[in-house]
């Protein structure tokens, strides 16, 4: 292999500003999304039991961390309530099953009932879509509540975070 053949295909670096994000079940979160981090992944080694030691081998199960994002909270709490109400319906704290059943049969936003697909579109330096990262059948597992604070005299807008689990994700070309 020649040295020239091993060179990168592009010298343009990825910018953390070049993205947009869509979550079908929570469109207001989409609009105010500030950052999103692709999940960490690990491949723990498998252990081959030997009489005197445990020998590590190449792993056979990939572990993915939850998808995490943060967003600015609008003054009507619409985006926070989209996630809050979604989680409440999944958890159904009333234990009647009505909220869960209603969410399960309401496929207006996502087509999946209790789940929703999330998509991250990464952009190149010309603002064209470079890759599409699709998270399938997502559901929220953690949403931070808005924090109000009068100690600071400057205007700081409220930010909330959310974590999602998903059945799988894939990275594809547009």
N, C-alpha and C. Protein backbone atom coordinates (compact mmCIF):
# COMPACT_ATOMS: atom_id res chain seq x y z
N UNK A 1 0.85 -1.17 0.00
CA UNK A 1 0.00 0.00 0.00
C UNK A 1 0.89 1.23 0.00
N UNK A 2 0.60 2.14 -0.89
CA UNK A 2 1.40 3.36 -0.94
C UNK A 2 0.94 4.34 0.13
N UNK A 3 1.81 5.27 0.45
CA UNK A 3 1.50 6.28 1.46
C UNK A 3 0.32 7.14 1.02
N UNK A 4 0.24 7.44 -0.27
CA UNK A 4 -0.83 8.30 -0.78
C UNK A 4 -2.19 7.62 -0.61
N UNK A 5 -2.27 6.32 -0.79
CA UNK A 5 -3.54 5.61 -0.66
C UNK A 5 -4.05 5.61 0.77
N UNK A 6 -3.18 5.83 1.75
CA UNK A 6 -3.59 5.80 3.15
C UNK A 6 -4.03 7.17 3.67
N UNK A 7 -4.05 8.20 2.80
CA UNK A 7 -4.42 9.54 3.23
C UNK A 7 -5.93 9.65 3.46
N UNK A 8 -6.35 10.56 4.32
CA UNK A 8 -7.79 10.75 4.56
C UNK A 8 -8.51 11.20 3.29
N UNK A 9 -9.79 10.87 3.22
CA UNK A 9 -10.59 11.27 2.07
C UNK A 9 -10.92 12.75 2.11
N UNK A 10 -11.01 13.32 3.29
CA UNK A 10 -11.29 14.75 3.44
C UNK A 10 -10.44 15.31 4.58
N UNK A 11 -10.09 16.56 4.45
CA UNK A 11 -9.34 17.22 5.51
C UNK A 11 -10.25 18.16 6.32
N UNK A 12 -11.53 18.23 5.95
CA UNK A 12 -12.48 19.04 6.70
C UNK A 12 -12.82 18.34 8.01
N UNK A 13 -12.81 19.09 9.09
CA UNK A 13 -13.13 18.53 10.39
C UNK A 13 -14.62 18.69 10.70
N UNK A 14 -15.16 17.78 11.47
CA UNK A 14 -16.57 17.85 11.86
C UNK A 14 -16.75 18.97 12.88
N UNK A 15 -17.80 19.74 12.72
CA UNK A 15 -18.12 20.83 13.65
C UNK A 15 -19.28 20.41 14.53
N UNK A 16 -19.18 20.72 15.82
CA UNK A 16 -20.27 20.38 16.73
C UNK A 16 -21.52 21.22 16.48
N UNK A 17 -21.41 22.26 15.67
CA UNK A 17 -22.56 23.10 15.34
C UNK A 17 -23.37 22.56 14.17
N UNK A 18 -22.80 21.65 13.40
CA UNK A 18 -23.42 21.20 12.16
C UNK A 18 -24.28 19.96 12.37
N UNK A 19 -25.47 20.18 12.91
CA UNK A 19 -26.40 19.08 13.10
C UNK A 19 -27.81 19.63 13.24
N UNK A 20 -28.76 18.79 13.01
CA UNK A 20 -30.11 19.03 13.50
C UNK A 20 -30.70 17.70 13.89
N UNK A 21 -31.75 17.76 14.67
CA UNK A 21 -32.25 16.60 15.39
C UNK A 21 -33.77 16.58 15.27
N UNK A 22 -34.35 15.40 15.11
CA UNK A 22 -35.80 15.27 15.02
C UNK A 22 -36.25 14.14 15.93
N UNK A 23 -37.19 14.45 16.80
CA UNK A 23 -37.87 13.41 17.58
C UNK A 23 -39.35 13.55 17.28
N UNK A 24 -39.92 12.54 16.69
CA UNK A 24 -41.27 12.64 16.18
C UNK A 24 -42.32 12.87 17.27
N UNK A 25 -42.17 12.25 18.40
CA UNK A 25 -43.18 12.38 19.45
C UNK A 25 -43.05 13.68 20.24
N UNK A 26 -41.94 14.36 20.14
CA UNK A 26 -41.72 15.59 20.91
C UNK A 26 -41.15 16.68 19.99
N UNK A 27 -41.97 17.22 19.10
CA UNK A 27 -41.45 18.18 18.13
C UNK A 27 -40.91 19.47 18.75
N UNK A 28 -41.41 19.89 19.90
CA UNK A 28 -40.89 21.11 20.54
C UNK A 28 -39.48 20.90 21.07
N UNK A 29 -39.17 19.69 21.50
CA UNK A 29 -37.80 19.39 21.94
C UNK A 29 -36.87 19.51 20.75
N UNK A 30 -37.32 19.05 19.59
CA UNK A 30 -36.54 19.17 18.36
C UNK A 30 -36.12 20.60 18.12
N UNK A 31 -37.06 21.52 18.23
CA UNK A 31 -36.80 22.92 17.90
C UNK A 31 -35.79 23.55 18.86
N UNK A 32 -35.83 23.18 20.12
CA UNK A 32 -34.97 23.82 21.13
C UNK A 32 -33.75 22.98 21.52
N UNK A 33 -33.48 21.91 20.79
CA UNK A 33 -32.35 21.04 21.13
C UNK A 33 -31.03 21.82 21.08
N UNK A 34 -30.24 21.71 22.15
CA UNK A 34 -28.96 22.40 22.24
C UNK A 34 -27.79 21.49 21.92
N UNK A 35 -27.83 20.29 22.45
CA UNK A 35 -26.76 19.35 22.15
C UNK A 35 -27.27 17.93 22.28
N UNK A 36 -26.60 17.06 21.59
CA UNK A 36 -26.93 15.64 21.61
C UNK A 36 -25.62 14.89 21.47
N UNK A 37 -25.50 13.81 22.20
CA UNK A 37 -24.26 13.04 22.18
C UNK A 37 -24.57 11.62 21.74
N UNK A 38 -23.85 11.17 20.72
CA UNK A 38 -24.02 9.78 20.32
C UNK A 38 -23.62 8.89 21.50
N UNK A 39 -24.32 7.80 21.69
CA UNK A 39 -24.07 6.95 22.85
C UNK A 39 -22.68 6.33 22.84
N UNK A 40 -22.10 6.24 24.02
CA UNK A 40 -20.86 5.47 24.18
C UNK A 40 -21.20 4.00 23.97
N UNK A 41 -20.23 3.26 23.52
CA UNK A 41 -20.43 1.82 23.36
C UNK A 41 -19.19 1.09 23.87
N UNK A 42 -19.42 -0.11 24.36
CA UNK A 42 -18.31 -0.92 24.85
C UNK A 42 -18.52 -2.37 24.42
N UNK A 43 -17.42 -3.08 24.35
CA UNK A 43 -17.44 -4.50 23.99
C UNK A 43 -16.64 -5.25 25.05
N UNK A 44 -17.29 -5.55 26.19
CA UNK A 44 -16.56 -6.24 27.26
C UNK A 44 -16.07 -7.61 26.78
N UNK A 45 -14.93 -8.01 27.28
CA UNK A 45 -14.40 -9.31 26.84
C UNK A 45 -15.23 -10.47 27.38
N UNK A 46 -15.30 -11.51 26.58
CA UNK A 46 -15.87 -12.77 27.05
C UNK A 46 -14.78 -13.49 27.84
N UNK A 47 -15.15 -14.31 28.77
CA UNK A 47 -14.18 -15.02 29.60
C UNK A 47 -14.18 -16.51 29.24
N UNK A 48 -13.00 -17.01 28.96
CA UNK A 48 -12.84 -18.44 28.71
C UNK A 48 -12.35 -19.07 30.01
N UNK A 49 -13.17 -19.86 30.66
CA UNK A 49 -12.75 -20.44 31.94
C UNK A 49 -11.66 -21.51 31.74
N UNK A 50 -10.57 -21.29 32.38
CA UNK A 50 -9.47 -22.25 32.40
C UNK A 50 -9.28 -22.69 33.86
N UNK A 51 -8.62 -23.79 34.10
CA UNK A 51 -8.50 -24.27 35.48
C UNK A 51 -7.86 -23.27 36.45
N UNK A 52 -6.88 -22.50 36.00
CA UNK A 52 -6.18 -21.64 36.94
C UNK A 52 -6.41 -20.15 36.71
N UNK A 53 -7.04 -19.77 35.59
CA UNK A 53 -7.27 -18.35 35.34
C UNK A 53 -8.44 -18.17 34.38
N UNK A 54 -8.90 -16.96 34.31
CA UNK A 54 -9.97 -16.61 33.39
C UNK A 54 -9.35 -15.84 32.24
N UNK A 55 -9.36 -16.42 31.08
CA UNK A 55 -8.68 -15.86 29.92
C UNK A 55 -9.63 -14.96 29.13
N UNK A 56 -9.30 -13.68 28.96
CA UNK A 56 -10.20 -12.80 28.18
C UNK A 56 -10.12 -13.09 26.69
N UNK A 57 -11.28 -13.11 26.05
CA UNK A 57 -11.39 -13.29 24.60
C UNK A 57 -12.17 -12.12 24.03
N UNK A 58 -12.18 -12.00 22.72
CA UNK A 58 -12.95 -10.94 22.09
C UNK A 58 -14.41 -11.07 22.53
N UNK A 59 -15.01 -9.94 22.88
CA UNK A 59 -16.38 -9.94 23.39
C UNK A 59 -17.40 -10.30 22.33
N UNK A 60 -18.60 -10.64 22.79
CA UNK A 60 -19.66 -11.03 21.87
C UNK A 60 -20.96 -10.24 22.07
N UNK A 61 -20.96 -9.26 22.96
CA UNK A 61 -22.15 -8.43 23.18
C UNK A 61 -21.72 -6.97 23.30
N UNK A 62 -22.23 -6.13 22.42
CA UNK A 62 -21.95 -4.70 22.50
C UNK A 62 -22.94 -4.07 23.47
N UNK A 63 -22.44 -3.23 24.37
CA UNK A 63 -23.29 -2.48 25.30
C UNK A 63 -23.34 -1.03 24.84
N UNK A 64 -24.55 -0.51 24.68
CA UNK A 64 -24.74 0.88 24.30
C UNK A 64 -25.28 1.65 25.49
N UNK A 65 -24.75 2.83 25.69
CA UNK A 65 -25.27 3.74 26.72
C UNK A 65 -26.52 4.43 26.19
N UNK A 66 -27.31 5.05 27.06
CA UNK A 66 -28.49 5.79 26.58
C UNK A 66 -28.09 6.98 25.72
N UNK A 67 -28.99 7.39 24.88
CA UNK A 67 -28.83 8.61 24.10
C UNK A 67 -29.17 9.79 25.01
N UNK A 68 -28.30 10.79 25.06
CA UNK A 68 -28.51 11.95 25.92
C UNK A 68 -28.58 13.22 25.09
N UNK A 69 -29.47 14.12 25.48
CA UNK A 69 -29.57 15.40 24.82
C UNK A 69 -29.98 16.46 25.83
N UNK A 70 -29.73 17.72 25.48
CA UNK A 70 -30.21 18.82 26.30
C UNK A 70 -30.94 19.80 25.40
N UNK A 71 -31.87 20.53 26.00
CA UNK A 71 -32.68 21.48 25.24
C UNK A 71 -33.05 22.66 26.13
N UNK A 72 -33.30 23.80 25.50
CA UNK A 72 -33.80 24.97 26.22
C UNK A 72 -35.29 24.78 26.44
N UNK A 73 -35.75 25.11 27.63
CA UNK A 73 -37.16 24.96 27.98
C UNK A 73 -37.91 26.23 27.58
N UNK A 74 -39.00 26.09 26.83
CA UNK A 74 -39.78 27.26 26.44
C UNK A 74 -40.64 27.73 27.61
N UNK A 75 -41.09 28.98 27.56
CA UNK A 75 -41.79 29.56 28.71
C UNK A 75 -43.14 28.92 28.99
N UNK A 76 -43.71 28.21 28.04
CA UNK A 76 -44.96 27.48 28.28
C UNK A 76 -44.71 26.05 28.76
N UNK A 77 -43.45 25.68 28.90
CA UNK A 77 -43.04 24.32 29.28
C UNK A 77 -43.53 23.27 28.29
N UNK A 78 -43.84 23.68 27.07
CA UNK A 78 -44.39 22.74 26.10
C UNK A 78 -43.44 21.58 25.84
N UNK A 79 -42.15 21.88 25.60
CA UNK A 79 -41.22 20.80 25.28
C UNK A 79 -40.96 19.91 26.50
N UNK A 80 -40.87 20.50 27.67
CA UNK A 80 -40.70 19.69 28.88
C UNK A 80 -41.92 18.80 29.09
N UNK A 81 -43.11 19.36 28.90
CA UNK A 81 -44.34 18.59 29.11
C UNK A 81 -44.52 17.48 28.07
N UNK A 82 -44.01 17.68 26.86
CA UNK A 82 -44.08 16.60 25.87
C UNK A 82 -43.36 15.36 26.40
N UNK A 83 -42.17 15.55 26.96
CA UNK A 83 -41.41 14.42 27.50
C UNK A 83 -42.00 13.94 28.82
N UNK A 84 -42.37 14.87 29.68
CA UNK A 84 -42.97 14.52 30.98
C UNK A 84 -44.22 13.67 30.78
N UNK A 85 -45.13 14.13 29.95
CA UNK A 85 -46.38 13.40 29.74
C UNK A 85 -46.15 12.05 29.07
N UNK A 86 -45.16 11.97 28.22
CA UNK A 86 -44.80 10.71 27.58
C UNK A 86 -44.34 9.72 28.64
N UNK A 87 -43.46 10.17 29.53
CA UNK A 87 -42.96 9.28 30.60
C UNK A 87 -44.07 8.90 31.56
N UNK A 88 -44.93 9.84 31.92
CA UNK A 88 -46.03 9.55 32.84
C UNK A 88 -46.95 8.50 32.23
N UNK A 89 -47.24 8.64 30.94
CA UNK A 89 -48.11 7.67 30.29
C UNK A 89 -47.48 6.28 30.24
N UNK A 90 -46.17 6.22 30.03
CA UNK A 90 -45.48 4.92 30.02
C UNK A 90 -45.49 4.31 31.41
N UNK A 91 -45.16 5.12 32.42
CA UNK A 91 -45.10 4.62 33.79
C UNK A 91 -46.47 4.43 34.42
N UNK A 92 -47.48 5.15 33.90
CA UNK A 92 -48.86 5.06 34.36
C UNK A 92 -48.97 5.04 35.89
N UNK A 93 -48.63 6.16 36.56
CA UNK A 93 -48.63 6.18 38.02
C UNK A 93 -50.00 5.94 38.64
N UNK A 94 -51.07 6.11 37.87
CA UNK A 94 -52.40 5.86 38.44
C UNK A 94 -52.70 4.37 38.55
N UNK A 95 -51.90 3.55 37.88
CA UNK A 95 -52.05 2.09 37.90
C UNK A 95 -53.38 1.60 37.33
N UNK A 96 -54.04 2.43 36.55
CA UNK A 96 -55.28 1.99 35.93
C UNK A 96 -55.04 1.44 34.53
N UNK A 97 -53.92 1.76 33.97
CA UNK A 97 -53.61 1.30 32.62
C UNK A 97 -54.18 2.18 31.53
N UNK A 98 -54.98 3.17 31.89
CA UNK A 98 -55.63 4.02 30.88
C UNK A 98 -54.61 4.87 30.12
N UNK A 99 -53.68 5.49 30.83
CA UNK A 99 -52.70 6.35 30.17
C UNK A 99 -51.81 5.54 29.22
N UNK A 100 -51.38 4.38 29.68
CA UNK A 100 -50.51 3.55 28.85
C UNK A 100 -51.27 3.09 27.60
N UNK A 101 -52.51 2.62 27.77
CA UNK A 101 -53.30 2.15 26.63
C UNK A 101 -53.57 3.28 25.63
N UNK A 102 -53.85 4.48 26.17
CA UNK A 102 -54.09 5.62 25.29
C UNK A 102 -52.83 5.95 24.49
N UNK A 103 -51.69 5.94 25.14
CA UNK A 103 -50.43 6.22 24.46
C UNK A 103 -50.10 5.12 23.45
N UNK A 104 -50.37 3.89 23.84
CA UNK A 104 -50.06 2.75 22.98
C UNK A 104 -50.88 2.78 21.69
N UNK A 105 -52.12 3.23 21.77
CA UNK A 105 -52.97 3.25 20.58
C UNK A 105 -52.87 4.57 19.82
N UNK A 106 -52.35 5.63 20.43
CA UNK A 106 -52.20 6.92 19.77
C UNK A 106 -50.89 6.93 19.00
N UNK A 107 -50.98 6.77 17.71
CA UNK A 107 -49.78 6.70 16.88
C UNK A 107 -49.64 7.94 16.00
N UNK A 108 -50.19 9.06 16.46
CA UNK A 108 -50.18 10.29 15.67
C UNK A 108 -48.77 10.72 15.28
N UNK A 109 -47.88 10.80 16.26
CA UNK A 109 -46.55 11.35 16.00
C UNK A 109 -45.59 10.33 15.43
N UNK A 110 -45.56 9.16 16.02
CA UNK A 110 -44.45 8.27 15.75
C UNK A 110 -44.80 7.03 14.95
N UNK A 111 -46.05 6.63 14.97
CA UNK A 111 -46.42 5.39 14.32
C UNK A 111 -46.12 4.16 15.17
N UNK A 112 -45.56 4.36 16.37
CA UNK A 112 -45.19 3.24 17.22
C UNK A 112 -45.94 3.18 18.54
N UNK A 113 -46.84 4.10 18.80
CA UNK A 113 -47.52 4.07 20.09
C UNK A 113 -46.63 4.64 21.18
N UNK A 114 -46.11 3.78 22.05
CA UNK A 114 -45.32 4.28 23.18
C UNK A 114 -43.91 4.68 22.77
N UNK A 115 -43.47 4.30 21.59
CA UNK A 115 -42.11 4.59 21.13
C UNK A 115 -42.10 5.73 20.13
N UNK A 116 -40.91 6.20 19.83
CA UNK A 116 -40.72 7.18 18.77
C UNK A 116 -39.33 7.00 18.19
N UNK A 117 -39.20 7.24 16.91
CA UNK A 117 -37.87 7.26 16.31
C UNK A 117 -37.25 8.63 16.52
N UNK A 118 -35.94 8.66 16.66
CA UNK A 118 -35.18 9.90 16.75
C UNK A 118 -34.16 9.87 15.65
N UNK A 119 -33.92 11.01 15.03
CA UNK A 119 -32.92 11.08 13.98
C UNK A 119 -32.00 12.28 14.20
N UNK A 120 -30.73 12.03 14.04
CA UNK A 120 -29.71 13.06 14.09
C UNK A 120 -29.13 13.19 12.69
N UNK A 121 -29.17 14.40 12.17
CA UNK A 121 -28.63 14.67 10.85
C UNK A 121 -27.34 15.46 11.03
N UNK A 122 -26.22 14.87 10.61
CA UNK A 122 -24.95 15.58 10.69
C UNK A 122 -24.72 16.28 9.35
N UNK A 123 -24.18 17.48 9.42
CA UNK A 123 -24.00 18.30 8.23
C UNK A 123 -22.53 18.50 7.92
N UNK A 124 -22.22 18.66 6.66
CA UNK A 124 -20.84 18.95 6.28
C UNK A 124 -20.59 20.46 6.35
N UNK A 125 -19.44 20.90 5.91
CA UNK A 125 -19.09 22.32 6.01
C UNK A 125 -19.95 23.20 5.12
N UNK A 126 -20.62 22.61 4.15
CA UNK A 126 -21.52 23.35 3.27
C UNK A 126 -22.98 23.26 3.74
N UNK A 127 -23.19 22.69 4.92
CA UNK A 127 -24.52 22.52 5.54
C UNK A 127 -25.40 21.52 4.78
N UNK A 128 -24.79 20.58 4.11
CA UNK A 128 -25.52 19.49 3.47
C UNK A 128 -25.50 18.29 4.40
N UNK A 129 -26.55 17.49 4.37
CA UNK A 129 -26.62 16.31 5.23
C UNK A 129 -25.55 15.33 4.81
N UNK A 130 -24.72 14.94 5.76
CA UNK A 130 -23.62 14.02 5.49
C UNK A 130 -24.01 12.60 5.93
N UNK A 131 -24.54 12.50 7.14
CA UNK A 131 -24.97 11.20 7.69
C UNK A 131 -26.28 11.37 8.42
N UNK A 132 -27.04 10.29 8.46
CA UNK A 132 -28.27 10.25 9.24
C UNK A 132 -28.10 9.16 10.28
N UNK A 133 -28.24 9.54 11.55
CA UNK A 133 -28.17 8.57 12.63
C UNK A 133 -29.60 8.35 13.12
N UNK A 134 -30.11 7.14 12.96
CA UNK A 134 -31.49 6.83 13.32
C UNK A 134 -31.50 5.93 14.54
N UNK A 135 -32.23 6.37 15.55
CA UNK A 135 -32.45 5.58 16.76
C UNK A 135 -33.88 5.06 16.68
N UNK A 136 -34.02 3.76 16.67
CA UNK A 136 -35.34 3.16 16.47
C UNK A 136 -36.00 2.79 17.79
N UNK A 137 -37.31 3.02 17.82
CA UNK A 137 -38.18 2.64 18.95
C UNK A 137 -37.61 3.16 20.27
N UNK A 138 -37.49 4.46 20.38
CA UNK A 138 -36.95 5.10 21.59
C UNK A 138 -38.05 5.38 22.59
N UNK A 139 -37.65 5.47 23.85
CA UNK A 139 -38.53 5.91 24.91
C UNK A 139 -37.69 6.64 25.95
N UNK A 140 -38.26 7.67 26.58
CA UNK A 140 -37.49 8.44 27.56
C UNK A 140 -37.33 7.66 28.86
N UNK A 141 -36.15 7.73 29.45
CA UNK A 141 -35.91 7.07 30.73
C UNK A 141 -35.56 8.06 31.82
N UNK A 142 -35.21 9.28 31.43
CA UNK A 142 -34.86 10.29 32.42
C UNK A 142 -35.06 11.66 31.80
N UNK A 143 -35.73 12.54 32.53
CA UNK A 143 -35.89 13.93 32.10
C UNK A 143 -35.62 14.80 33.32
N UNK A 144 -34.69 15.72 33.18
CA UNK A 144 -34.40 16.61 34.31
C UNK A 144 -35.45 17.71 34.35
N UNK A 145 -35.85 18.05 35.56
CA UNK A 145 -36.85 19.09 35.73
C UNK A 145 -36.25 20.47 35.58
N UNK A 146 -37.06 21.44 35.15
CA UNK A 146 -36.57 22.82 35.04
C UNK A 146 -36.15 23.35 36.41
N UNK A 147 -35.06 24.08 36.43
CA UNK A 147 -34.56 24.67 37.68
C UNK A 147 -34.71 26.18 37.61
N UNK A 148 -35.41 26.72 38.58
CA UNK A 148 -35.59 28.17 38.67
C UNK A 148 -34.66 28.69 39.75
N UNK A 149 -34.04 29.87 39.50
CA UNK A 149 -33.02 30.37 40.41
C UNK A 149 -33.00 31.89 40.36
N UNK A 150 -33.16 32.54 41.50
CA UNK A 150 -33.14 34.01 41.54
C UNK A 150 -31.81 34.57 42.02
N UNK A 151 -30.84 33.71 42.31
CA UNK A 151 -29.55 34.19 42.84
C UNK A 151 -28.73 34.93 41.79
N UNK A 152 -28.80 34.52 40.56
CA UNK A 152 -28.01 35.14 39.51
C UNK A 152 -28.82 36.30 38.92
N UNK A 153 -28.20 37.44 38.74
CA UNK A 153 -28.90 38.61 38.23
C UNK A 153 -28.91 38.69 36.71
N UNK A 154 -28.16 37.85 36.04
CA UNK A 154 -28.20 37.82 34.58
C UNK A 154 -29.29 36.85 34.14
N UNK A 155 -29.76 37.03 32.94
CA UNK A 155 -30.81 36.14 32.42
C UNK A 155 -30.16 34.88 31.87
N UNK A 156 -30.46 33.78 32.52
CA UNK A 156 -30.01 32.47 32.04
C UNK A 156 -31.26 31.66 31.72
N UNK A 157 -31.32 31.14 30.53
CA UNK A 157 -32.50 30.39 30.13
C UNK A 157 -32.40 28.96 30.65
N UNK A 158 -33.52 28.43 31.00
CA UNK A 158 -33.59 27.10 31.61
C UNK A 158 -33.26 26.02 30.58
N UNK A 159 -32.41 25.11 30.98
CA UNK A 159 -32.04 23.97 30.15
C UNK A 159 -32.44 22.70 30.88
N UNK A 160 -32.92 21.74 30.13
CA UNK A 160 -33.27 20.44 30.68
C UNK A 160 -32.53 19.37 29.88
N UNK A 161 -32.36 18.21 30.47
CA UNK A 161 -31.72 17.09 29.77
C UNK A 161 -32.67 15.91 29.73
N UNK A 162 -32.45 15.05 28.77
CA UNK A 162 -33.27 13.85 28.64
C UNK A 162 -32.40 12.69 28.17
N UNK A 163 -32.68 11.52 28.69
CA UNK A 163 -32.00 10.29 28.26
C UNK A 163 -33.05 9.37 27.64
N UNK A 164 -32.63 8.65 26.61
CA UNK A 164 -33.52 7.74 25.90
C UNK A 164 -32.83 6.39 25.72
N UNK A 165 -33.61 5.34 25.88
CA UNK A 165 -33.16 4.02 25.45
C UNK A 165 -33.80 3.75 24.10
N UNK A 166 -33.29 2.78 23.39
CA UNK A 166 -33.70 2.51 22.03
C UNK A 166 -33.40 1.05 21.75
N UNK A 167 -34.07 0.50 20.75
CA UNK A 167 -33.81 -0.91 20.43
C UNK A 167 -32.55 -1.07 19.59
N UNK A 168 -32.30 -0.11 18.69
CA UNK A 168 -31.06 -0.14 17.92
C UNK A 168 -30.84 1.22 17.26
N UNK A 169 -29.60 1.46 16.85
CA UNK A 169 -29.36 2.65 16.03
C UNK A 169 -28.43 2.31 14.90
N UNK A 170 -28.57 3.08 13.85
CA UNK A 170 -27.73 2.86 12.68
C UNK A 170 -27.31 4.21 12.11
N UNK A 171 -26.17 4.21 11.46
CA UNK A 171 -25.63 5.40 10.82
C UNK A 171 -25.63 5.12 9.33
N UNK A 172 -26.27 6.00 8.57
CA UNK A 172 -26.39 5.76 7.13
C UNK A 172 -26.15 7.05 6.36
N UNK A 173 -25.93 6.91 5.07
CA UNK A 173 -25.83 8.04 4.18
C UNK A 173 -27.23 8.51 3.86
N UNK A 174 -27.41 9.80 3.56
CA UNK A 174 -28.77 10.29 3.24
C UNK A 174 -29.34 9.70 1.98
